[in-house]
Amino acid sequence: MSSDIIVAVISGVITLAGVLIANHTAQAVTDTKLVELTREVREHNNFAKRVPILEEQMKAVNRRISELERKGAIK
């Protein structure tokens, strides 16, 4: 009977070790994905900040082109 208990304890320890290793691996993958997602969000935020600036610059360029067309510099 004691051999059954020893086998059960050994099996339990091996199972626990497997679960801990699997959890550690899963956590590492999750951390990596989170870092990548954070990087992508920061890139998107920087892009979102620049778009209004580009829109204003395009308005200025379009106004300048219109002025040049009115003056006959551009046909």
PDB file of N, CA and C in Angstrom:
ATOM      1  N   MET A   1       0.815  -1.193   0.000  1.00  0.00           N
ATOM      2  CA  MET A   1       0.000   0.000   0.000  1.00  0.00           C
ATOM      3  C   MET A   1       0.859   1.258   0.000  1.00  0.00           C
ATOM      4  N   SER A   2       1.982   1.246   0.670  1.00  0.00           N
ATOM      5  CA  SER A   2       2.826   2.425   0.715  1.00  0.00           C
ATOM      6  C   SER A   2       3.426   2.730  -0.664  1.00  0.00           C
ATOM      7  N   SER A   3       3.619   1.715  -1.503  1.00  0.00           N
ATOM      8  CA  SER A   3       4.134   1.964  -2.846  1.00  0.00           C
ATOM      9  C   SER A   3       3.099   2.734  -3.673  1.00  0.00           C
ATOM     10  N   ASP A   4       1.813   2.472  -3.441  1.00  0.00           N
ATOM     11  CA  ASP A   4       0.759   3.230  -4.138  1.00  0.00           C
ATOM     12  C   ASP A   4       0.805   4.703  -3.746  1.00  0.00           C
ATOM     13  N   ILE A   5       1.049   4.960  -2.482  1.00  0.00           N
ATOM     14  CA  ILE A   5       1.116   6.347  -1.999  1.00  0.00           C
ATOM     15  C   ILE A   5       2.346   7.041  -2.591  1.00  0.00           C
ATOM     16  N   ILE A   6       3.452   6.338  -2.635  1.00  0.00           N
ATOM     17  CA  ILE A   6       4.678   6.922  -3.197  1.00  0.00           C
ATOM     18  C   ILE A   6       4.473   7.248  -4.681  1.00  0.00           C
ATOM     19  N   VAL A   7       3.857   6.329  -5.413  1.00  0.00           N
ATOM     20  CA  VAL A   7       3.584   6.559  -6.838  1.00  0.00           C
ATOM     21  C   VAL A   7       2.656   7.755  -7.004  1.00  0.00           C
ATOM     22  N   ALA A   8       1.639   7.852  -6.153  1.00  0.00           N
ATOM     23  CA  ALA A   8       0.698   8.968  -6.237  1.00  0.00           C
ATOM     24  C   ALA A   8       1.397  10.295  -5.941  1.00  0.00           C
ATOM     25  N   VAL A   9       2.272  10.318  -4.953  1.00  0.00           N
ATOM     26  CA  VAL A   9       2.990  11.549  -4.603  1.00  0.00           C
ATOM     27  C   VAL A   9       3.935  11.943  -5.736  1.00  0.00           C
ATOM     28  N   ILE A  10       4.661  10.973  -6.277  1.00  0.00           N
ATOM     29  CA  ILE A  10       5.572  11.265  -7.391  1.00  0.00           C
ATOM     30  C   ILE A  10       4.784  11.787  -8.595  1.00  0.00           C
ATOM     31  N   SER A  11       3.669  11.142  -8.894  1.00  0.00           N
ATOM     32  CA  SER A  11       2.825  11.595 -10.008  1.00  0.00           C
ATOM     33  C   SER A  11       2.316  13.010  -9.764  1.00  0.00           C
ATOM     34  N   GLY A  12       1.906  13.286  -8.543  1.00  0.00           N
ATOM     35  CA  GLY A  12       1.429  14.624  -8.197  1.00  0.00           C
ATOM     36  C   GLY A  12       2.512  15.677  -8.350  1.00  0.00           C
ATOM     37  N   VAL A  13       3.738  15.361  -7.915  1.00  0.00           N
ATOM     38  CA  VAL A  13       4.853  16.306  -8.023  1.00  0.00           C
ATOM     39  C   VAL A  13       5.194  16.553  -9.494  1.00  0.00           C
ATOM     40  N   ILE A  14       5.212  15.516 -10.293  1.00  0.00           N
ATOM     41  CA  ILE A  14       5.513  15.670 -11.724  1.00  0.00           C
ATOM     42  C   ILE A  14       4.423  16.496 -12.410  1.00  0.00           C
ATOM     43  N   THR A  15       3.167  16.225 -12.067  1.00  0.00           N
ATOM     44  CA  THR A  15       2.059  16.994 -12.639  1.00  0.00           C
ATOM     45  C   THR A  15       2.150  18.459 -12.242  1.00  0.00           C
ATOM     46  N   LEU A  16       2.448  18.712 -10.973  1.00  0.00           N
ATOM     47  CA  LEU A  16       2.589  20.093 -10.502  1.00  0.00           C
ATOM     48  C   LEU A  16       3.722  20.797 -11.232  1.00  0.00           C
ATOM     49  N   ALA A  17       4.840  20.107 -11.415  1.00  0.00           N
ATOM     50  CA  ALA A  17       5.967  20.707 -12.136  1.00  0.00           C
ATOM     51  C   ALA A  17       5.568  21.026 -13.573  1.00  0.00           C
ATOM     52  N   GLY A  18       4.844  20.132 -14.215  1.00  0.00           N
ATOM     53  CA  GLY A  18       4.385  20.367 -15.588  1.00  0.00           C
ATOM     54  C   GLY A  18       3.461  21.560 -15.687  1.00  0.00           C
ATOM     55  N   VAL A  19       2.554  21.674 -14.731  1.00  0.00           N
ATOM     56  CA  VAL A  19       1.617  22.803 -14.723  1.00  0.00           C
ATOM     57  C   VAL A  19       2.369  24.112 -14.505  1.00  0.00           C
ATOM     58  N   LEU A  20       3.319  24.119 -13.585  1.00  0.00           N
ATOM     59  CA  LEU A  20       4.086  25.337 -13.324  1.00  0.00           C
ATOM     60  C   LEU A  20       4.898  25.759 -14.548  1.00  0.00           C
ATOM     61  N   ILE A  21       5.503  24.799 -15.225  1.00  0.00           N
ATOM     62  CA  ILE A  21       6.271  25.108 -16.434  1.00  0.00           C
ATOM     63  C   ILE A  21       5.348  25.634 -17.525  1.00  0.00           C
ATOM     64  N   ALA A  22       4.209  25.005 -17.712  1.00  0.00           N
ATOM     65  CA  ALA A  22       3.258  25.445 -18.736  1.00  0.00           C
ATOM     66  C   ALA A  22       2.743  26.845 -18.431  1.00  0.00           C
ATOM     67  N   ASN A  23       2.444  27.126 -17.181  1.00  0.00           N
ATOM     68  CA  ASN A  23       1.969  28.459 -16.804  1.00  0.00           C
ATOM     69  C   ASN A  23       3.044  29.511 -17.032  1.00  0.00           C
ATOM     70  N   HIS A  24       4.284  29.165 -16.703  1.00  0.00           N
ATOM     71  CA  HIS A  24       5.388  30.104 -16.901  1.00  0.00           C
ATOM     72  C   HIS A  24       5.549  30.428 -18.389  1.00  0.00           C
ATOM     73  N   THR A  25       5.469  29.401 -19.229  1.00  0.00           N
ATOM     74  CA  THR A  25       5.590  29.588 -20.675  1.00  0.00           C
ATOM     75  C   THR A  25       4.439  30.436 -21.205  1.00  0.00           C
ATOM     76  N   ALA A  26       3.237  30.137 -20.756  1.00  0.00           N
ATOM     77  CA  ALA A  26       2.071  30.904 -21.205  1.00  0.00           C
ATOM     78  C   ALA A  26       2.184  32.362 -20.764  1.00  0.00           C
ATOM     79  N   GLN A  27       2.678  32.589 -19.572  1.00  0.00           N
ATOM     80  CA  GLN A  27       2.849  33.959 -19.077  1.00  0.00           C
ATOM     81  C   GLN A  27       3.892  34.699 -19.898  1.00  0.00           C
ATOM     82  N   ALA A  28       4.962  34.015 -20.287  1.00  0.00           N
ATOM     83  CA  ALA A  28       5.999  34.647 -21.110  1.00  0.00           C
ATOM     84  C   ALA A  28       5.435  35.040 -22.472  1.00  0.00           C
ATOM     85  N   VAL A  29       4.618  34.183 -23.060  1.00  0.00           N
ATOM     86  CA  VAL A  29       3.995  34.496 -24.353  1.00  0.00           C
ATOM     87  C   VAL A  29       3.049  35.679 -24.200  1.00  0.00           C
ATOM     88  N   THR A  30       2.265  35.691 -23.141  1.00  0.00           N
ATOM     89  CA  THR A  30       1.334  36.793 -22.901  1.00  0.00           C
ATOM     90  C   THR A  30       2.085  38.105 -22.705  1.00  0.00           C
ATOM     91  N   ASP A  31       3.167  38.067 -21.962  1.00  0.00           N
ATOM     92  CA  ASP A  31       3.972  39.279 -21.744  1.00  0.00           C
ATOM     93  C   ASP A  31       4.534  39.800 -23.063  1.00  0.00           C
ATOM     94  N   THR A  32       5.031  38.889 -23.902  1.00  0.00           N
ATOM     95  CA  THR A  32       5.575  39.289 -25.199  1.00  0.00           C
ATOM     96  C   THR A  32       4.497  39.931 -26.062  1.00  0.00           C
ATOM     97  N   LYS A  33       3.325  39.327 -26.093  1.00  0.00           N
ATOM     98  CA  LYS A  33       2.220  39.884 -26.886  1.00  0.00           C
ATOM     99  C   LYS A  33       1.803  41.247 -26.348  1.00  0.00           C
ATOM    100  N   LEU A  34       1.803  41.401 -25.048  1.00  0.00           N
ATOM    101  CA  LEU A  34       1.425  42.676 -24.443  1.00  0.00           C
ATOM    102  C   LEU A  34       2.423  43.767 -24.795  1.00  0.00           C
ATOM    103  N   VAL A  35       3.702  43.437 -24.775  1.00  0.00           N
ATOM    104  CA  VAL A  35       4.734  44.416 -25.146  1.00  0.00           C
ATOM    105  C   VAL A  35       4.551  44.828 -26.607  1.00  0.00           C
ATOM    106  N   GLU A  36       4.305  43.870 -27.474  1.00  0.00           N
ATOM    107  CA  GLU A  36       4.113  44.168 -28.900  1.00  0.00           C
ATOM    108  C   GLU A  36       2.863  45.020 -29.120  1.00  0.00           C
ATOM    109  N   LEU A  37       1.790  44.690 -28.440  1.00  0.00           N
ATOM    110  CA  LEU A  37       0.555  45.469 -28.563  1.00  0.00           C
ATOM    111  C   LEU A  37       0.758  46.892 -28.061  1.00  0.00           C
ATOM    112  N   THR A  38       1.474  47.046 -26.980  1.00  0.00           N
ATOM    113  CA  THR A  38       1.768  48.381 -26.445  1.00  0.00           C
ATOM    114  C   THR A  38       2.568  49.191 -27.453  1.00  0.00           C
ATOM    115  N   ARG A  39       3.549  48.566 -28.096  1.00  0.00           N
ATOM    116  CA  ARG A  39       4.345  49.245 -29.112  1.00  0.00           C
ATOM    117  C   ARG A  39       3.467  49.699 -30.281  1.00  0.00           C
ATOM    118  N   GLU A  40       2.568  48.821 -30.723  1.00  0.00           N
ATOM    119  CA  GLU A  40       1.682  49.168 -31.838  1.00  0.00           C
ATOM    120  C   GLU A  40       0.734  50.303 -31.472  1.00  0.00           C
ATOM    121  N   VAL A  41       0.235  50.302 -30.258  1.00  0.00           N
ATOM    122  CA  VAL A  41      -0.663  51.373 -29.819  1.00  0.00           C
ATOM    123  C   VAL A  41       0.089  52.700 -29.778  1.00  0.00           C
ATOM    124  N   ARG A  42       1.315  52.681 -29.303  1.00  0.00           N
ATOM    125  CA  ARG A  42       2.110  53.917 -29.271  1.00  0.00           C
ATOM    126  C   ARG A  42       2.359  54.442 -30.677  1.00  0.00           C
ATOM    127  N   GLU A  43       2.660  53.542 -31.610  1.00  0.00           N
ATOM    128  CA  GLU A  43       2.847  53.965 -32.997  1.00  0.00           C
ATOM    129  C   GLU A  43       1.568  54.590 -33.539  1.00  0.00           C
ATOM    130  N   HIS A  44       0.447  53.957 -33.259  1.00  0.00           N
ATOM    131  CA  HIS A  44      -0.837  54.479 -33.730  1.00  0.00           C
ATOM    132  C   HIS A  44      -1.123  55.845 -33.123  1.00  0.00           C
ATOM    133  N   ASN A  45      -0.852  56.002 -31.843  1.00  0.00           N
ATOM    134  CA  ASN A  45      -1.092  57.282 -31.184  1.00  0.00           C
ATOM    135  C   ASN A  45      -0.223  58.381 -31.789  1.00  0.00           C
ATOM    136  N   ASN A  46       1.032  58.064 -32.081  1.00  0.00           N
ATOM    137  CA  ASN A  46       1.904  59.050 -32.715  1.00  0.00           C
ATOM    138  C   ASN A  46       1.381  59.431 -34.093  1.00  0.00           C
ATOM    139  N   PHE A  47       0.895  58.439 -34.823  1.00  0.00           N
ATOM    140  CA  PHE A  47       0.328  58.706 -36.140  1.00  0.00           C
ATOM    141  C   PHE A  47      -0.918  59.574 -36.012  1.00  0.00           C
ATOM    142  N   ALA A  48      -1.766  59.261 -35.045  1.00  0.00           N
ATOM    143  CA  ALA A  48      -2.989  60.025 -34.845  1.00  0.00           C
ATOM    144  C   ALA A  48      -2.689  61.475 -34.471  1.00  0.00           C
ATOM    145  N   LYS A  49      -1.583  61.727 -33.802  1.00  0.00           N
ATOM    146  CA  LYS A  49      -1.193  63.093 -33.457  1.00  0.00           C
ATOM    147  C   LYS A  49      -0.709  63.855 -34.687  1.00  0.00           C
ATOM    148  N   ARG A  50      -0.084  63.136 -35.624  1.00  0.00           N
ATOM    149  CA  ARG A  50       0.486  63.804 -36.797  1.00  0.00           C
ATOM    150  C   ARG A  50      -0.546  64.094 -37.873  1.00  0.00           C
ATOM    151  N   VAL A  51      -1.624  63.338 -37.940  1.00  0.00           N
ATOM    152  CA  VAL A  51      -2.613  63.511 -39.005  1.00  0.00           C
ATOM    153  C   VAL A  51      -3.202  64.920 -39.018  1.00  0.00           C
ATOM    154  N   PRO A  52      -3.642  65.486 -37.900  1.00  0.00           N
ATOM    155  CA  PRO A  52      -4.169  66.857 -37.963  1.00  0.00           C
ATOM    156  C   PRO A  52      -3.133  67.864 -38.459  1.00  0.00           C
ATOM    157  N   ILE A  53      -1.879  67.669 -38.119  1.00  0.00           N
ATOM    158  CA  ILE A  53      -0.813  68.556 -38.593  1.00  0.00           C
ATOM    159  C   ILE A  53      -0.705  68.446 -40.110  1.00  0.00           C
ATOM    160  N   LEU A  54      -0.727  67.224 -40.622  1.00  0.00           N
ATOM    161  CA  LEU A  54      -0.663  67.023 -42.064  1.00  0.00           C
ATOM    162  C   LEU A  54      -1.872  67.631 -42.764  1.00  0.00           C
ATOM    163  N   GLU A  55      -3.043  67.511 -42.152  1.00  0.00           N
ATOM    164  CA  GLU A  55      -4.244  68.105 -42.740  1.00  0.00           C
ATOM    165  C   GLU A  55      -4.116  69.621 -42.839  1.00  0.00           C
ATOM    166  N   GLU A  56      -3.591  70.247 -41.798  1.00  0.00           N
ATOM    167  CA  GLU A  56      -3.394  71.698 -41.830  1.00  0.00           C
ATOM    168  C   GLU A  56      -2.385  72.088 -42.903  1.00  0.00           C
ATOM    169  N   GLN A  57      -1.317  71.312 -43.018  1.00  0.00           N
ATOM    170  CA  GLN A  57      -0.318  71.599 -44.042  1.00  0.00           C
ATOM    171  C   GLN A  57      -0.908  71.449 -45.437  1.00  0.00           C
ATOM    172  N   MET A  58      -1.766  70.447 -45.630  1.00  0.00           N
ATOM    173  CA  MET A  58      -2.412  70.260 -46.936  1.00  0.00           C
ATOM    174  C   MET A  58      -3.341  71.427 -47.255  1.00  0.00           C
ATOM    175  N   LYS A  59      -4.045  71.938 -46.258  1.00  0.00           N
ATOM    176  CA  LYS A  59      -4.901  73.099 -46.484  1.00  0.00           C
ATOM    177  C   LYS A  59      -4.066  74.285 -46.937  1.00  0.00           C
ATOM    178  N   ALA A  60      -2.926  74.495 -46.292  1.00  0.00           N
ATOM    179  CA  ALA A  60      -2.049  75.612 -46.658  1.00  0.00           C
ATOM    180  C   ALA A  60      -1.516  75.426 -48.074  1.00  0.00           C
ATOM    181  N   VAL A  61      -1.122  74.221 -48.432  1.00  0.00           N
ATOM    182  CA  VAL A  61      -0.621  73.946 -49.777  1.00  0.00           C
ATOM    183  C   VAL A  61      -1.722  74.186 -50.803  1.00  0.00           C
ATOM    184  N   ASN A  62      -2.917  73.707 -50.513  1.00  0.00           N
ATOM    185  CA  ASN A  62      -4.028  73.904 -51.443  1.00  0.00           C
ATOM    186  C   ASN A  62      -4.349  75.384 -51.612  1.00  0.00           C
ATOM    187  N   ARG A  63      -4.304  76.152 -50.528  1.00  0.00           N
ATOM    188  CA  ARG A  63      -4.539  77.603 -50.641  1.00  0.00           C
ATOM    189  C   ARG A  63      -3.476  78.248 -51.510  1.00  0.00           C
ATOM    190  N   ARG A  64      -2.229  77.845 -51.306  1.00  0.00           N
ATOM    191  CA  ARG A  64      -1.128  78.419 -52.089  1.00  0.00           C
ATOM    192  C   ARG A  64      -1.287  78.074 -53.562  1.00  0.00           C
ATOM    193  N   ILE A  65      -1.668  76.856 -53.868  1.00  0.00           N
ATOM    194  CA  ILE A  65      -1.894  76.451 -55.266  1.00  0.00           C
ATOM    195  C   ILE A  65      -3.026  77.270 -55.867  1.00  0.00           C
ATOM    196  N   SER A  66      -4.103  77.456 -55.116  1.00  0.00           N
ATOM    197  CA  SER A  66      -5.229  78.259 -55.609  1.00  0.00           C
ATOM    198  C   SER A  66      -4.790  79.686 -55.898  1.00  0.00           C
ATOM    199  N   GLU A  67      -3.977  80.270 -55.021  1.00  0.00           N
ATOM    200  CA  GLU A  67      -3.475  81.627 -55.233  1.00  0.00           C
ATOM    201  C   GLU A  67      -2.637  81.698 -56.503  1.00  0.00           C
ATOM    202  N   LEU A  68      -1.773  80.701 -56.688  1.00  0.00           N
ATOM    203  CA  LEU A  68      -0.928  80.684 -57.882  1.00  0.00           C
ATOM    204  C   LEU A  68      -1.755  80.508 -59.148  1.00  0.00           C
ATOM    205  N   GLU A  69      -2.797  79.694 -59.064  1.00  0.00           N
ATOM    206  CA  GLU A  69      -3.675  79.509 -60.231  1.00  0.00           C
ATOM    207  C   GLU A  69      -4.407  80.810 -60.563  1.00  0.00           C
ATOM    208  N   ARG A  70      -4.852  81.537 -59.534  1.00  0.00           N
ATOM    209  CA  ARG A  70      -5.536  82.814 -59.768  1.00  0.00           C
ATOM    210  C   ARG A  70      -4.609  83.830 -60.402  1.00  0.00           C
ATOM    211  N   LYS A  71      -3.353  83.805 -60.000  1.00  0.00           N
ATOM    212  CA  LYS A  71      -2.386  84.767 -60.538  1.00  0.00           C
ATOM    213  C   LYS A  71      -1.908  84.356 -61.920  1.00  0.00           C
ATOM    214  N   GLY A  72      -2.255  83.175 -62.352  1.00  0.00           N
ATOM    215  CA  GLY A  72      -1.853  82.717 -63.681  1.00  0.00           C
ATOM    216  C   GLY A  72      -0.499  82.065 -63.720  1.00  0.00           C
ATOM    217  N   ALA A  73       0.097  81.825 -62.577  1.00  0.00           N
ATOM    218  CA  ALA A  73       1.406  81.183 -62.543  1.00  0.00           C
ATOM    219  C   ALA A  73       1.313  79.704 -62.877  1.00  0.00           C
ATOM    220  N   ILE A  74       0.157  79.127 -62.637  1.00  0.00           N
ATOM    221  CA  ILE A  74      -0.066  77.703 -62.927  1.00  0.00           C
ATOM    222  C   ILE A  74      -1.274  77.601 -63.855  1.00  0.00           C
ATOM    223  N   LYS A  75      -1.149  76.845 -64.898  1.00  0.00           N
ATOM    224  CA  LYS A  75      -2.274  76.683 -65.836  1.00  0.00           C
ATOM    225  C   LYS A  75      -2.914  75.343 -65.664  1.00  0.00           C
TER     226      LYS A  75
END
